[in-house]
Amino acid sequence: MLDSTEAAGSGLGVFDGAVTATGGGGQLTLSTVSITTGLTVEITSGSLTMPAS
């Protein structure tokens, strides 16, 4: 796993925003925000707004 500085320098995209459980209003919503080893995490929705060029 890369931190945001390493990811930005690698040419990989970086997504920065709120992560919430489904219905919580975050830009990225997960089936649960209680993540532990061995648990399957389901991304239920996501949104990304790009600035105008």
N, C-alpha and C. Protein backbone atom coordinates (compact mmCIF):
# COMPACT_ATOMS: atom_id res chain seq x y z
N MET A 1 0.85 -1.16 0.00
CA MET A 1 0.00 0.00 0.00
C MET A 1 0.90 1.23 0.00
N LEU A 2 0.56 2.20 -0.82
CA LEU A 2 1.32 3.44 -0.91
C LEU A 2 0.58 4.55 -0.16
N ASP A 3 1.35 5.44 0.48
CA ASP A 3 0.69 6.61 1.04
C ASP A 3 0.46 7.60 -0.10
N SER A 4 -0.26 8.69 0.17
CA SER A 4 -0.65 9.62 -0.90
C SER A 4 0.55 10.25 -1.60
N THR A 5 1.64 10.51 -0.88
CA THR A 5 2.83 11.10 -1.49
C THR A 5 3.49 10.10 -2.43
N GLU A 6 3.62 8.84 -2.00
CA GLU A 6 4.21 7.81 -2.85
C GLU A 6 3.34 7.55 -4.08
N ALA A 7 2.04 7.50 -3.90
CA ALA A 7 1.13 7.25 -5.02
C ALA A 7 1.19 8.38 -6.04
N ALA A 8 1.21 9.62 -5.57
CA ALA A 8 1.26 10.76 -6.47
C ALA A 8 2.55 10.75 -7.29
N GLY A 9 3.65 10.36 -6.69
CA GLY A 9 4.93 10.31 -7.39
C GLY A 9 5.07 9.12 -8.32
N SER A 10 4.18 8.15 -8.20
CA SER A 10 4.28 6.93 -9.01
C SER A 10 3.49 7.01 -10.30
N GLY A 11 2.70 8.06 -10.47
CA GLY A 11 1.83 8.16 -11.64
C GLY A 11 0.48 7.50 -11.42
N LEU A 12 0.26 6.91 -10.24
CA LEU A 12 -1.04 6.31 -9.93
C LEU A 12 -2.01 7.41 -9.52
N GLY A 13 -3.27 7.18 -9.74
CA GLY A 13 -4.28 8.13 -9.31
C GLY A 13 -4.46 8.12 -7.81
N VAL A 14 -4.84 9.24 -7.25
CA VAL A 14 -5.10 9.35 -5.82
C VAL A 14 -6.51 9.88 -5.65
N PHE A 15 -7.31 9.17 -4.89
CA PHE A 15 -8.69 9.57 -4.62
C PHE A 15 -8.75 9.99 -3.17
N ASP A 16 -9.11 11.24 -2.91
CA ASP A 16 -9.16 11.75 -1.55
C ASP A 16 -10.58 12.22 -1.27
N GLY A 17 -11.22 11.64 -0.31
CA GLY A 17 -12.59 12.03 0.01
C GLY A 17 -13.09 11.26 1.21
N ALA A 18 -14.34 11.50 1.55
CA ALA A 18 -14.95 10.84 2.70
C ALA A 18 -15.39 9.43 2.34
N VAL A 19 -15.09 8.48 3.23
CA VAL A 19 -15.53 7.09 3.09
C VAL A 19 -16.52 6.83 4.21
N THR A 20 -17.72 6.39 3.85
CA THR A 20 -18.76 6.12 4.84
C THR A 20 -19.44 4.79 4.53
N ALA A 21 -20.20 4.30 5.49
CA ALA A 21 -21.06 3.15 5.24
C ALA A 21 -22.18 3.59 4.30
N THR A 22 -22.82 2.64 3.64
CA THR A 22 -23.92 2.93 2.72
C THR A 22 -24.94 3.85 3.40
N GLY A 23 -25.31 4.92 2.71
CA GLY A 23 -26.27 5.88 3.24
C GLY A 23 -25.65 7.00 4.04
N GLY A 24 -24.33 6.96 4.23
CA GLY A 24 -23.66 7.97 5.06
C GLY A 24 -23.28 9.24 4.33
N GLY A 25 -23.40 9.27 3.00
CA GLY A 25 -23.16 10.50 2.25
C GLY A 25 -21.74 10.72 1.80
N GLY A 26 -20.84 9.78 2.01
CA GLY A 26 -19.45 9.96 1.56
C GLY A 26 -19.31 9.83 0.06
N GLN A 27 -18.18 10.31 -0.46
CA GLN A 27 -17.91 10.16 -1.89
C GLN A 27 -17.70 8.70 -2.26
N LEU A 28 -17.21 7.91 -1.31
CA LEU A 28 -17.05 6.47 -1.49
C LEU A 28 -17.83 5.79 -0.38
N THR A 29 -18.77 4.93 -0.74
CA THR A 29 -19.54 4.25 0.29
C THR A 29 -19.25 2.75 0.24
N LEU A 30 -19.09 2.19 1.42
CA LEU A 30 -18.77 0.77 1.58
C LEU A 30 -19.91 0.08 2.30
N SER A 31 -19.98 -1.24 2.12
CA SER A 31 -21.01 -2.01 2.81
C SER A 31 -20.82 -1.95 4.33
N THR A 32 -19.58 -1.75 4.76
CA THR A 32 -19.27 -1.58 6.19
C THR A 32 -17.98 -0.77 6.30
N VAL A 33 -17.84 -0.02 7.35
CA VAL A 33 -16.58 0.68 7.60
C VAL A 33 -15.80 0.01 8.73
N SER A 34 -16.30 -1.14 9.21
CA SER A 34 -15.60 -1.95 10.21
C SER A 34 -14.80 -3.00 9.45
N ILE A 35 -13.60 -2.67 9.05
CA ILE A 35 -12.78 -3.54 8.21
C ILE A 35 -11.77 -4.27 9.08
N THR A 36 -11.78 -5.60 8.99
CA THR A 36 -10.84 -6.43 9.73
C THR A 36 -10.22 -7.45 8.78
N THR A 37 -9.16 -8.09 9.21
CA THR A 37 -8.47 -9.10 8.42
C THR A 37 -9.43 -10.21 8.02
N GLY A 38 -9.42 -10.56 6.74
CA GLY A 38 -10.24 -11.65 6.24
C GLY A 38 -11.65 -11.27 5.84
N LEU A 39 -12.04 -10.02 6.10
CA LEU A 39 -13.38 -9.57 5.77
C LEU A 39 -13.45 -9.12 4.31
N THR A 40 -14.49 -9.50 3.60
CA THR A 40 -14.72 -9.01 2.24
C THR A 40 -15.41 -7.66 2.34
N VAL A 41 -14.86 -6.67 1.66
CA VAL A 41 -15.43 -5.32 1.66
C VAL A 41 -16.06 -5.07 0.30
N GLU A 42 -17.30 -4.64 0.29
CA GLU A 42 -18.01 -4.35 -0.95
C GLU A 42 -18.17 -2.85 -1.11
N ILE A 43 -17.70 -2.32 -2.25
CA ILE A 43 -17.91 -0.91 -2.57
C ILE A 43 -19.31 -0.81 -3.15
N THR A 44 -20.19 -0.04 -2.49
CA THR A 44 -21.57 0.05 -2.94
C THR A 44 -21.81 1.21 -3.88
N SER A 45 -20.99 2.26 -3.83
CA SER A 45 -21.09 3.36 -4.79
C SER A 45 -19.89 4.27 -4.63
N GLY A 46 -19.70 5.11 -5.62
CA GLY A 46 -18.62 6.10 -5.57
C GLY A 46 -18.89 7.20 -6.56
N SER A 47 -18.36 8.37 -6.29
CA SER A 47 -18.49 9.49 -7.22
C SER A 47 -17.21 10.29 -7.23
N LEU A 48 -16.90 10.82 -8.38
CA LEU A 48 -15.70 11.62 -8.56
C LEU A 48 -16.05 12.79 -9.45
N THR A 49 -15.77 14.00 -8.99
CA THR A 49 -16.03 15.19 -9.78
C THR A 49 -14.70 15.79 -10.18
N MET A 50 -14.47 15.93 -11.47
CA MET A 50 -13.24 16.50 -11.99
C MET A 50 -13.43 17.99 -12.23
N PRO A 51 -12.42 18.79 -11.91
CA PRO A 51 -12.53 20.22 -12.18
C PRO A 51 -12.56 20.49 -13.69
N ALA A 52 -13.19 21.56 -14.08
CA ALA A 52 -13.23 21.94 -15.50
C ALA A 52 -11.83 22.27 -15.97
N SER A 53 -11.51 21.95 -17.22
CA SER A 53 -10.17 22.23 -17.74
C SER A 53 -10.05 23.63 -18.27
